[in-house]
């Protein structure tokens, strides 16, 4: 009998979140390790959660904890698609499943947004975000000719979380709540 990698990952997250309440560093480390196992193979993500849109990246809800302690999402990036500069207001762990994405870190300063380090994630790579380790970034598909897919786990239901987008020049921020591309939200 073959295991279900997503169900195994969710089960691991349930234990990690239950044990790690209040210790973000421990949670990030354990979720990062679990994510590395999840994205080590690319044969488990169901086709409906891999469909790109010609204009906008898609965010598909794969699992939402009933108590909103965490969620798991697939991000599907069409060729050349990108996010605005944004934050999460919670911890997040990103694992690259297919293709590649480029993450550019930013810091909000009094004079606007200061661009930081740029990181390219390739299949199997994992990165973290949180208000304590760095939470503001812009993400783009590294390719202009193919789809890329990443898997994200967040420390809340990100489809309900109040967050911010930032103007690249002025640093002005605007509130938003993201939505899911599938009806399961």
N, C-alpha and C. Protein backbone atom coordinates (compact mmCIF):
# COMPACT_ATOMS: atom_id res chain seq x y z
N UNK A 1 0.84 -1.18 0.00
CA UNK A 1 0.00 0.00 0.00
C UNK A 1 0.89 1.25 0.00
N UNK A 2 0.59 2.17 -0.89
CA UNK A 2 1.37 3.40 -1.06
C UNK A 2 0.86 4.48 -0.11
N UNK A 3 1.77 5.20 0.52
CA UNK A 3 1.36 6.27 1.43
C UNK A 3 0.91 7.50 0.64
N UNK A 4 0.24 8.40 1.30
CA UNK A 4 -0.21 9.66 0.72
C UNK A 4 0.69 10.76 1.28
N UNK A 5 1.63 11.26 0.48
CA UNK A 5 2.59 12.25 1.01
C UNK A 5 1.92 13.49 1.61
N UNK A 6 0.86 14.00 0.98
CA UNK A 6 0.21 15.19 1.53
C UNK A 6 -0.44 14.87 2.87
N UNK A 7 -1.14 13.74 2.98
CA UNK A 7 -1.76 13.36 4.25
C UNK A 7 -0.70 13.15 5.34
N UNK A 8 0.42 12.55 4.97
CA UNK A 8 1.52 12.37 5.93
C UNK A 8 2.06 13.71 6.39
N UNK A 9 2.22 14.64 5.46
CA UNK A 9 2.71 15.99 5.79
C UNK A 9 1.75 16.69 6.74
N UNK A 10 0.47 16.64 6.44
CA UNK A 10 -0.53 17.28 7.30
C UNK A 10 -0.50 16.67 8.69
N UNK A 11 -0.37 15.38 8.77
CA UNK A 11 -0.30 14.72 10.08
C UNK A 11 0.92 15.18 10.86
N UNK A 12 2.05 15.30 10.17
CA UNK A 12 3.26 15.82 10.83
C UNK A 12 3.05 17.25 11.31
N UNK A 13 2.40 18.09 10.48
CA UNK A 13 2.15 19.47 10.87
C UNK A 13 1.26 19.54 12.12
N UNK A 14 0.26 18.69 12.18
CA UNK A 14 -0.62 18.69 13.35
C UNK A 14 0.18 18.47 14.62
N UNK A 15 1.10 17.51 14.60
CA UNK A 15 1.95 17.25 15.77
C UNK A 15 2.91 18.38 16.06
N UNK A 16 3.54 18.91 15.02
CA UNK A 16 4.50 20.00 15.19
C UNK A 16 3.82 21.22 15.80
N UNK A 17 2.69 21.61 15.26
CA UNK A 17 1.99 22.80 15.75
C UNK A 17 1.50 22.58 17.18
N UNK A 18 1.01 21.40 17.48
CA UNK A 18 0.54 21.11 18.85
C UNK A 18 1.69 21.17 19.85
N UNK A 19 2.85 20.64 19.49
CA UNK A 19 4.02 20.63 20.39
C UNK A 19 4.69 21.99 20.48
N UNK A 20 4.69 22.74 19.38
CA UNK A 20 5.52 23.93 19.30
C UNK A 20 4.85 25.24 19.58
N UNK A 21 3.64 25.22 20.07
CA UNK A 21 2.92 26.48 20.34
C UNK A 21 3.80 27.43 21.14
N UNK A 22 4.01 28.62 20.60
CA UNK A 22 4.80 29.62 21.31
C UNK A 22 6.28 29.59 21.00
N UNK A 23 6.77 28.59 20.29
CA UNK A 23 8.19 28.50 19.95
C UNK A 23 8.35 28.46 18.44
N UNK A 24 8.29 29.65 17.82
CA UNK A 24 8.32 29.74 16.38
C UNK A 24 9.57 29.12 15.77
N UNK A 25 10.72 29.31 16.41
CA UNK A 25 11.96 28.76 15.88
C UNK A 25 11.91 27.25 15.75
N UNK A 26 11.39 26.60 16.77
CA UNK A 26 11.26 25.13 16.74
C UNK A 26 10.27 24.71 15.67
N UNK A 27 9.14 25.42 15.58
CA UNK A 27 8.13 25.10 14.58
C UNK A 27 8.72 25.24 13.18
N UNK A 28 9.39 26.35 12.91
CA UNK A 28 9.97 26.56 11.58
C UNK A 28 10.95 25.45 11.22
N UNK A 29 11.81 25.08 12.16
CA UNK A 29 12.79 24.03 11.90
C UNK A 29 12.14 22.70 11.58
N UNK A 30 11.13 22.33 12.35
CA UNK A 30 10.47 21.04 12.12
C UNK A 30 9.61 21.06 10.86
N UNK A 31 8.92 22.17 10.60
CA UNK A 31 8.10 22.24 9.38
C UNK A 31 9.02 22.26 8.16
N UNK A 32 10.15 22.92 8.26
CA UNK A 32 11.10 22.92 7.15
C UNK A 32 11.55 21.50 6.83
N UNK A 33 11.86 20.73 7.85
CA UNK A 33 12.28 19.34 7.66
C UNK A 33 11.15 18.51 7.03
N UNK A 34 9.92 18.71 7.51
CA UNK A 34 8.77 17.99 6.94
C UNK A 34 8.54 18.40 5.48
N UNK A 35 8.70 19.70 5.18
CA UNK A 35 8.52 20.18 3.81
C UNK A 35 9.58 19.58 2.89
N UNK A 36 10.81 19.46 3.37
CA UNK A 36 11.86 18.87 2.55
C UNK A 36 11.48 17.45 2.14
N UNK A 37 10.87 16.71 3.05
CA UNK A 37 10.41 15.35 2.73
C UNK A 37 9.28 15.39 1.70
N UNK A 38 8.36 16.35 1.86
CA UNK A 38 7.22 16.44 0.96
C UNK A 38 7.64 16.75 -0.47
N UNK A 39 8.54 17.71 -0.65
CA UNK A 39 8.92 18.13 -2.01
C UNK A 39 10.09 17.32 -2.56
N UNK A 40 10.50 16.29 -1.86
CA UNK A 40 11.58 15.42 -2.36
C UNK A 40 11.13 14.62 -3.56
N UNK A 41 9.83 14.40 -3.68
CA UNK A 41 9.30 13.71 -4.86
C UNK A 41 8.17 14.54 -5.46
N UNK A 42 7.98 14.37 -6.75
CA UNK A 42 6.99 15.17 -7.47
C UNK A 42 5.96 14.26 -8.15
N UNK A 43 5.38 13.36 -7.38
CA UNK A 43 4.40 12.45 -7.97
C UNK A 43 3.11 12.38 -7.16
N UNK A 44 2.88 13.36 -6.30
CA UNK A 44 1.74 13.26 -5.37
C UNK A 44 0.69 14.35 -5.56
N UNK A 45 1.03 15.47 -6.16
CA UNK A 45 0.09 16.60 -6.26
C UNK A 45 -0.94 16.33 -7.35
N UNK A 46 -2.22 16.32 -6.96
CA UNK A 46 -3.30 16.04 -7.91
C UNK A 46 -3.37 17.12 -8.99
N UNK A 47 -3.68 16.70 -10.19
CA UNK A 47 -3.70 17.59 -11.36
C UNK A 47 -4.56 18.85 -11.19
N UNK A 48 -5.73 18.79 -10.55
CA UNK A 48 -6.52 20.03 -10.42
C UNK A 48 -5.79 21.15 -9.67
N UNK A 49 -4.78 20.80 -8.87
CA UNK A 49 -4.04 21.80 -8.09
C UNK A 49 -2.75 22.24 -8.78
N UNK A 50 -2.63 21.92 -10.07
CA UNK A 50 -1.44 22.27 -10.85
C UNK A 50 -1.77 23.15 -12.06
N UNK A 51 -3.02 23.55 -12.16
CA UNK A 51 -3.46 24.29 -13.36
C UNK A 51 -3.11 25.77 -13.27
N UNK A 52 -2.38 26.26 -14.26
CA UNK A 52 -2.06 27.69 -14.28
C UNK A 52 -3.21 28.51 -14.86
N UNK A 53 -3.16 29.79 -14.64
CA UNK A 53 -4.06 30.75 -15.25
C UNK A 53 -3.19 31.58 -16.21
N UNK A 54 -3.71 31.98 -17.35
CA UNK A 54 -2.88 32.73 -18.29
C UNK A 54 -2.45 34.12 -17.78
N UNK A 55 -3.20 34.70 -16.84
CA UNK A 55 -2.88 36.06 -16.38
C UNK A 55 -2.30 36.13 -14.97
N UNK A 56 -2.82 35.31 -14.05
CA UNK A 56 -2.48 35.46 -12.64
C UNK A 56 -1.98 34.15 -12.04
N UNK A 57 -1.04 34.25 -11.10
CA UNK A 57 -0.64 33.04 -10.38
C UNK A 57 -1.85 32.53 -9.59
N UNK A 58 -1.87 31.26 -9.32
CA UNK A 58 -2.98 30.66 -8.60
C UNK A 58 -2.51 30.12 -7.26
N UNK A 59 -3.41 30.21 -6.29
CA UNK A 59 -3.17 29.73 -4.93
C UNK A 59 -4.28 28.73 -4.61
N UNK A 60 -3.93 27.44 -4.59
CA UNK A 60 -4.91 26.39 -4.34
C UNK A 60 -4.79 25.88 -2.91
N UNK A 61 -5.89 25.87 -2.20
CA UNK A 61 -5.91 25.32 -0.84
C UNK A 61 -5.86 23.80 -0.93
N UNK A 62 -4.85 23.20 -0.30
CA UNK A 62 -4.73 21.75 -0.24
C UNK A 62 -5.26 21.20 1.08
N UNK A 63 -5.06 21.97 2.16
CA UNK A 63 -5.56 21.57 3.48
C UNK A 63 -5.64 22.80 4.38
N UNK A 64 -6.75 22.92 5.10
CA UNK A 64 -6.89 23.95 6.13
C UNK A 64 -7.20 23.26 7.45
N UNK A 65 -6.39 23.51 8.44
CA UNK A 65 -6.65 22.98 9.77
C UNK A 65 -7.98 23.53 10.26
N UNK A 66 -8.84 22.70 10.84
CA UNK A 66 -10.17 23.17 11.27
C UNK A 66 -10.12 24.30 12.29
N UNK A 67 -9.00 24.40 13.03
CA UNK A 67 -8.85 25.47 14.03
C UNK A 67 -7.99 26.62 13.51
N UNK A 68 -7.72 26.63 12.20
CA UNK A 68 -6.90 27.67 11.55
C UNK A 68 -5.50 27.80 12.14
N UNK A 69 -4.95 26.70 12.65
CA UNK A 69 -3.58 26.72 13.18
C UNK A 69 -2.55 26.69 12.06
N UNK A 70 -2.93 26.16 10.89
CA UNK A 70 -2.04 26.10 9.74
C UNK A 70 -2.86 25.78 8.49
N UNK A 71 -2.24 25.94 7.34
CA UNK A 71 -2.83 25.51 6.07
C UNK A 71 -1.70 25.11 5.14
N UNK A 72 -2.07 24.38 4.09
CA UNK A 72 -1.12 23.96 3.06
C UNK A 72 -1.71 24.37 1.71
N UNK A 73 -0.88 25.00 0.88
CA UNK A 73 -1.33 25.61 -0.36
C UNK A 73 -0.34 25.27 -1.47
N UNK A 74 -0.86 25.06 -2.70
CA UNK A 74 0.04 25.00 -3.85
C UNK A 74 -0.06 26.33 -4.59
N UNK A 75 1.09 26.87 -4.95
CA UNK A 75 1.14 28.08 -5.77
C UNK A 75 1.56 27.65 -7.16
N UNK A 76 0.76 28.03 -8.15
CA UNK A 76 1.03 27.68 -9.54
C UNK A 76 1.34 28.97 -10.28
N UNK A 77 2.55 29.03 -10.78
CA UNK A 77 3.05 30.22 -11.45
C UNK A 77 3.08 29.99 -12.95
N UNK A 78 2.29 30.76 -13.70
CA UNK A 78 2.40 30.73 -15.15
C UNK A 78 3.69 31.41 -15.57
N UNK A 79 4.08 31.28 -16.81
CA UNK A 79 5.31 31.91 -17.30
C UNK A 79 5.34 33.41 -16.97
N UNK A 80 6.43 33.84 -16.33
CA UNK A 80 6.65 35.25 -16.04
C UNK A 80 5.79 35.87 -14.95
N UNK A 81 4.93 35.12 -14.30
CA UNK A 81 4.04 35.70 -13.29
C UNK A 81 4.79 36.00 -11.99
N UNK A 82 4.27 37.00 -11.25
CA UNK A 82 4.89 37.39 -10.00
C UNK A 82 3.88 38.00 -9.05
N UNK A 83 4.25 38.06 -7.79
CA UNK A 83 3.43 38.70 -6.77
C UNK A 83 3.86 40.16 -6.64
N UNK A 84 3.03 40.96 -6.01
CA UNK A 84 3.53 42.27 -5.56
C UNK A 84 4.40 42.04 -4.32
N UNK A 85 5.03 43.08 -3.83
CA UNK A 85 5.75 43.00 -2.55
C UNK A 85 4.68 42.82 -1.47
N UNK A 86 4.84 41.82 -0.62
CA UNK A 86 3.81 41.51 0.37
C UNK A 86 4.42 40.89 1.63
N UNK A 87 3.61 40.82 2.67
CA UNK A 87 4.00 40.12 3.89
C UNK A 87 3.00 39.02 4.17
N UNK A 88 3.21 38.30 5.29
CA UNK A 88 2.36 37.16 5.64
C UNK A 88 1.75 37.30 7.03
N UNK A 89 2.44 38.00 7.93
CA UNK A 89 1.99 38.21 9.31
C UNK A 89 1.84 36.90 10.06
N UNK A 90 2.56 35.88 9.63
CA UNK A 90 2.62 34.57 10.29
C UNK A 90 3.84 33.85 9.74
N UNK A 91 4.18 32.72 10.33
CA UNK A 91 5.29 31.94 9.77
C UNK A 91 4.83 31.22 8.50
N UNK A 92 5.80 30.96 7.64
CA UNK A 92 5.53 30.22 6.42
C UNK A 92 6.75 29.42 6.00
N UNK A 93 6.52 28.26 5.39
CA UNK A 93 7.60 27.43 4.86
C UNK A 93 7.24 27.11 3.42
N UNK A 94 8.17 27.39 2.51
CA UNK A 94 7.94 27.24 1.08
C UNK A 94 8.85 26.15 0.55
N UNK A 95 8.27 25.18 -0.15
CA UNK A 95 9.04 24.12 -0.78
C UNK A 95 8.82 24.13 -2.27
N UNK A 96 9.88 24.05 -3.03
CA UNK A 96 9.77 24.09 -4.49
C UNK A 96 9.53 22.69 -5.02
N UNK A 97 8.45 22.53 -5.78
CA UNK A 97 8.09 21.22 -6.32
C UNK A 97 8.50 21.07 -7.78
N UNK A 98 8.16 22.06 -8.62
CA UNK A 98 8.46 22.00 -10.06
C UNK A 98 8.93 23.36 -10.53
N UNK A 99 9.83 23.35 -11.49
CA UNK A 99 10.30 24.62 -12.04
C UNK A 99 11.22 25.33 -11.07
N UNK A 100 11.07 26.65 -10.99
CA UNK A 100 11.88 27.45 -10.07
C UNK A 100 11.18 28.78 -9.83
N UNK A 101 11.43 29.35 -8.66
CA UNK A 101 10.92 30.68 -8.37
C UNK A 101 12.01 31.50 -7.73
N UNK A 102 11.92 32.80 -7.94
CA UNK A 102 12.88 33.74 -7.39
C UNK A 102 12.17 34.57 -6.34
N UNK A 103 12.74 34.59 -5.14
CA UNK A 103 12.21 35.36 -4.03
C UNK A 103 13.16 36.52 -3.76
N UNK A 104 12.63 37.72 -3.71
CA UNK A 104 13.42 38.90 -3.39
C UNK A 104 12.92 39.46 -2.07
N UNK A 105 13.81 39.52 -1.08
CA UNK A 105 13.46 40.04 0.24
C UNK A 105 13.44 41.57 0.21
N UNK A 106 12.59 42.15 1.07
CA UNK A 106 12.52 43.60 1.22
C UNK A 106 12.42 43.96 2.69
N UNK A 107 12.91 45.16 3.01
CA UNK A 107 12.72 45.75 4.33
C UNK A 107 11.97 47.05 4.15
N UNK A 108 11.00 47.28 5.01
CA UNK A 108 10.27 48.56 4.99
C UNK A 108 11.11 49.56 5.77
N UNK A 109 11.44 50.69 5.14
CA UNK A 109 12.20 51.74 5.80
C UNK A 109 11.40 53.04 5.74
N UNK A 110 11.86 54.05 6.43
CA UNK A 110 11.16 55.34 6.41
C UNK A 110 11.14 55.95 5.01
N UNK A 111 12.13 55.60 4.19
CA UNK A 111 12.20 56.18 2.84
C UNK A 111 11.68 55.24 1.76
N UNK A 112 11.04 54.16 2.14
CA UNK A 112 10.48 53.24 1.14
C UNK A 112 10.97 51.82 1.35
N UNK A 113 10.84 51.01 0.33
CA UNK A 113 11.22 49.61 0.43
C UNK A 113 12.68 49.44 0.01
N UNK A 114 13.43 48.78 0.87
CA UNK A 114 14.84 48.50 0.58
C UNK A 114 14.95 47.04 0.14
N UNK A 115 15.45 46.85 -1.08
CA UNK A 115 15.59 45.49 -1.62
C UNK A 115 16.73 44.78 -0.94
N UNK A 116 16.49 43.51 -0.60
CA UNK A 116 17.51 42.69 0.04
C UNK A 116 17.95 41.54 -0.84
N UNK A 117 18.26 40.45 -0.22
CA UNK A 117 18.78 39.27 -0.88
C UNK A 117 17.77 38.64 -1.84
N UNK A 118 18.29 38.10 -2.92
CA UNK A 118 17.47 37.36 -3.88
C UNK A 118 17.86 35.89 -3.79
N UNK A 119 16.85 35.03 -3.76
CA UNK A 119 17.07 33.60 -3.61
C UNK A 119 16.29 32.86 -4.67
N UNK A 120 16.94 31.94 -5.37
CA UNK A 120 16.25 31.11 -6.35
C UNK A 120 16.03 29.73 -5.75
N UNK A 121 14.75 29.31 -5.73
CA UNK A 121 14.39 27.99 -5.24
C UNK A 121 14.20 27.07 -6.42
N UNK A 122 14.81 25.89 -6.35
CA UNK A 122 14.68 24.86 -7.37
C UNK A 122 14.05 23.62 -6.72
N UNK A 123 13.57 22.67 -7.49
CA UNK A 123 12.90 21.51 -6.91
C UNK A 123 13.68 20.91 -5.73
N UNK A 124 12.95 20.74 -4.61
CA UNK A 124 13.54 20.20 -3.39
C UNK A 124 14.04 21.26 -2.43
N UNK A 125 14.22 22.51 -2.89
CA UNK A 125 14.68 23.58 -2.00
C UNK A 125 13.54 24.06 -1.11
N UNK A 126 13.90 24.51 0.08
CA UNK A 126 12.92 24.98 1.06
C UNK A 126 13.41 26.29 1.66
N UNK A 127 12.49 27.24 1.87
CA UNK A 127 12.80 28.52 2.49
C UNK A 127 11.73 28.84 3.53
N UNK A 128 12.04 29.77 4.44
CA UNK A 128 11.09 30.15 5.48
C UNK A 128 10.88 31.66 5.47
N UNK A 129 9.71 32.06 5.95
CA UNK A 129 9.39 33.47 6.19
C UNK A 129 8.67 33.55 7.54
N UNK A 130 8.79 34.68 8.18
CA UNK A 130 8.01 34.97 9.39
C UNK A 130 8.34 36.39 9.81
N UNK A 131 7.49 36.97 10.63
CA UNK A 131 7.79 38.32 11.12
C UNK A 131 9.12 38.40 11.89
N UNK A 132 9.60 37.29 12.45
CA UNK A 132 10.84 37.33 13.21
C UNK A 132 12.09 37.06 12.38
N UNK A 133 11.97 36.37 11.24
CA UNK A 133 13.15 36.08 10.42
C UNK A 133 13.15 36.80 9.09
N UNK A 134 12.10 37.53 8.79
CA UNK A 134 11.97 38.24 7.52
C UNK A 134 10.68 37.82 6.86
N UNK A 135 9.79 38.77 6.66
CA UNK A 135 8.43 38.43 6.24
C UNK A 135 7.98 39.16 4.99
N UNK A 136 8.78 40.08 4.48
CA UNK A 136 8.36 40.87 3.33
C UNK A 136 9.18 40.44 2.12
N UNK A 137 8.48 40.06 1.04
CA UNK A 137 9.18 39.66 -0.17
C UNK A 137 8.28 39.79 -1.40
N UNK A 138 8.91 39.60 -2.53
CA UNK A 138 8.23 39.50 -3.82
C UNK A 138 8.70 38.19 -4.43
N UNK A 139 7.78 37.47 -5.06
CA UNK A 139 8.11 36.16 -5.63
C UNK A 139 7.71 36.16 -7.10
N UNK A 140 8.55 35.51 -7.93
CA UNK A 140 8.22 35.40 -9.35
C UNK A 140 8.66 34.04 -9.87
N UNK A 141 7.96 33.62 -10.91
CA UNK A 141 8.37 32.42 -11.63
C UNK A 141 9.71 32.73 -12.28
N UNK A 142 10.67 31.86 -12.11
CA UNK A 142 12.00 32.07 -12.69
C UNK A 142 12.01 31.90 -14.20
N UNK A 143 10.92 31.32 -14.73
CA UNK A 143 10.87 31.01 -16.16
C UNK A 143 9.81 31.84 -16.88
N UNK A 144 10.13 32.24 -18.09
CA UNK A 144 9.19 32.95 -18.95
C UNK A 144 8.51 32.01 -19.94
N UNK A 145 8.84 30.72 -19.88
CA UNK A 145 8.32 29.80 -20.89
C UNK A 145 7.69 28.53 -20.31
N UNK A 146 7.56 28.45 -18.96
CA UNK A 146 6.95 27.26 -18.38
C UNK A 146 6.39 27.54 -16.99
N UNK A 147 5.58 26.61 -16.55
CA UNK A 147 4.92 26.70 -15.25
C UNK A 147 5.88 26.25 -14.15
N UNK A 148 5.78 26.89 -12.98
CA UNK A 148 6.48 26.46 -11.78
C UNK A 148 5.45 26.28 -10.67
N UNK A 149 5.72 25.34 -9.76
CA UNK A 149 4.79 25.06 -8.67
C UNK A 149 5.56 24.94 -7.36
N UNK A 150 5.09 25.66 -6.36
CA UNK A 150 5.66 25.56 -5.02
C UNK A 150 4.55 25.22 -4.03
N UNK A 151 4.96 24.61 -2.92
CA UNK A 151 4.04 24.22 -1.86
C UNK A 151 4.36 25.08 -0.64
N UNK A 152 3.31 25.67 -0.04
CA UNK A 152 3.48 26.57 1.09
C UNK A 152 2.69 26.04 2.28
N UNK A 153 3.30 26.10 3.45
CA UNK A 153 2.59 25.83 4.71
C UNK A 153 2.68 27.12 5.52
N UNK A 154 1.57 27.55 6.08
CA UNK A 154 1.51 28.78 6.87
C UNK A 154 0.96 28.50 8.26
N UNK A 155 1.31 29.35 9.20
CA UNK A 155 0.90 29.19 10.59
C UNK A 155 -0.48 29.73 10.89
N UNK A 156 -1.33 29.77 9.91
CA UNK A 156 -2.74 30.16 10.03
C UNK A 156 -3.40 29.79 8.70
N UNK A 157 -4.68 30.05 8.58
CA UNK A 157 -5.32 29.91 7.27
C UNK A 157 -5.03 31.19 6.51
N UNK A 158 -4.09 31.14 5.60
CA UNK A 158 -3.62 32.34 4.90
C UNK A 158 -4.73 32.99 4.08
N UNK A 159 -5.77 32.24 3.74
CA UNK A 159 -6.92 32.80 3.02
C UNK A 159 -7.83 33.63 3.89
N UNK A 160 -7.56 33.67 5.19
CA UNK A 160 -8.33 34.50 6.13
C UNK A 160 -7.45 35.56 6.79
N UNK A 161 -6.16 35.48 6.61
CA UNK A 161 -5.19 36.32 7.32
C UNK A 161 -5.12 37.73 6.71
N UNK A 162 -5.32 38.74 7.54
CA UNK A 162 -5.10 40.13 7.10
C UNK A 162 -3.60 40.34 6.93
N UNK A 163 -3.22 40.84 5.75
CA UNK A 163 -1.82 41.07 5.44
C UNK A 163 -1.67 42.38 4.68
N UNK A 164 -0.50 42.59 4.06
CA UNK A 164 -0.23 43.86 3.40
C UNK A 164 0.51 43.66 2.09
N UNK A 165 0.23 44.53 1.14
CA UNK A 165 1.06 44.71 -0.04
C UNK A 165 1.71 46.08 0.10
N UNK A 166 2.90 46.22 -0.48
CA UNK A 166 3.69 47.44 -0.31
C UNK A 166 4.02 48.05 -1.66
N UNK A 167 3.96 49.37 -1.74
CA UNK A 167 4.41 50.08 -2.93
C UNK A 167 5.94 50.05 -2.93
N UNK A 168 6.52 49.65 -4.05
CA UNK A 168 7.97 49.47 -4.13
C UNK A 168 8.74 50.76 -3.90
N UNK A 169 8.20 51.90 -4.29
CA UNK A 169 8.92 53.16 -4.17
C UNK A 169 8.68 53.83 -2.83
N UNK A 170 7.42 54.05 -2.49
CA UNK A 170 7.11 54.80 -1.27
C UNK A 170 7.08 53.94 -0.02
N UNK A 171 6.85 52.65 -0.19
CA UNK A 171 6.70 51.77 0.96
C UNK A 171 5.30 51.78 1.54
N UNK A 172 4.42 52.58 0.94
CA UNK A 172 3.04 52.63 1.43
C UNK A 172 2.45 51.24 1.42
N UNK A 173 1.71 50.92 2.47
CA UNK A 173 1.14 49.59 2.54
C UNK A 173 -0.38 49.63 2.47
N UNK A 174 -0.92 48.58 1.89
CA UNK A 174 -2.35 48.46 1.73
C UNK A 174 -2.76 47.09 2.28
N UNK A 175 -3.83 47.07 3.05
CA UNK A 175 -4.32 45.82 3.61
C UNK A 175 -4.96 44.95 2.54
N UNK A 176 -4.83 43.62 2.69
CA UNK A 176 -5.54 42.69 1.81
C UNK A 176 -5.66 41.34 2.51
N UNK A 177 -6.57 40.54 2.02
CA UNK A 177 -6.71 39.15 2.40
C UNK A 177 -6.72 38.37 1.11
N UNK A 178 -5.79 37.40 0.98
CA UNK A 178 -5.74 36.64 -0.27
C UNK A 178 -6.88 35.64 -0.33
N UNK A 179 -7.12 35.14 -1.50
CA UNK A 179 -8.19 34.16 -1.68
C UNK A 179 -7.60 32.92 -2.32
N UNK A 180 -8.39 31.88 -2.38
CA UNK A 180 -7.96 30.63 -3.00
C UNK A 180 -8.57 30.50 -4.39
N UNK A 181 -7.86 29.82 -5.27
CA UNK A 181 -8.34 29.63 -6.63
C UNK A 181 -9.34 28.48 -6.75
N UNK A 182 -9.44 27.66 -5.72
CA UNK A 182 -10.39 26.55 -5.74
C UNK A 182 -11.55 26.82 -4.76
N UNK A 183 -12.63 26.13 -4.97
CA UNK A 183 -13.84 26.34 -4.17
C UNK A 183 -13.72 25.78 -2.76
N UNK A 184 -12.67 25.01 -2.47
CA UNK A 184 -12.52 24.39 -1.15
C UNK A 184 -12.27 25.42 -0.05
N UNK A 185 -12.00 26.65 -0.42
CA UNK A 185 -11.70 27.69 0.57
C UNK A 185 -12.94 27.98 1.37
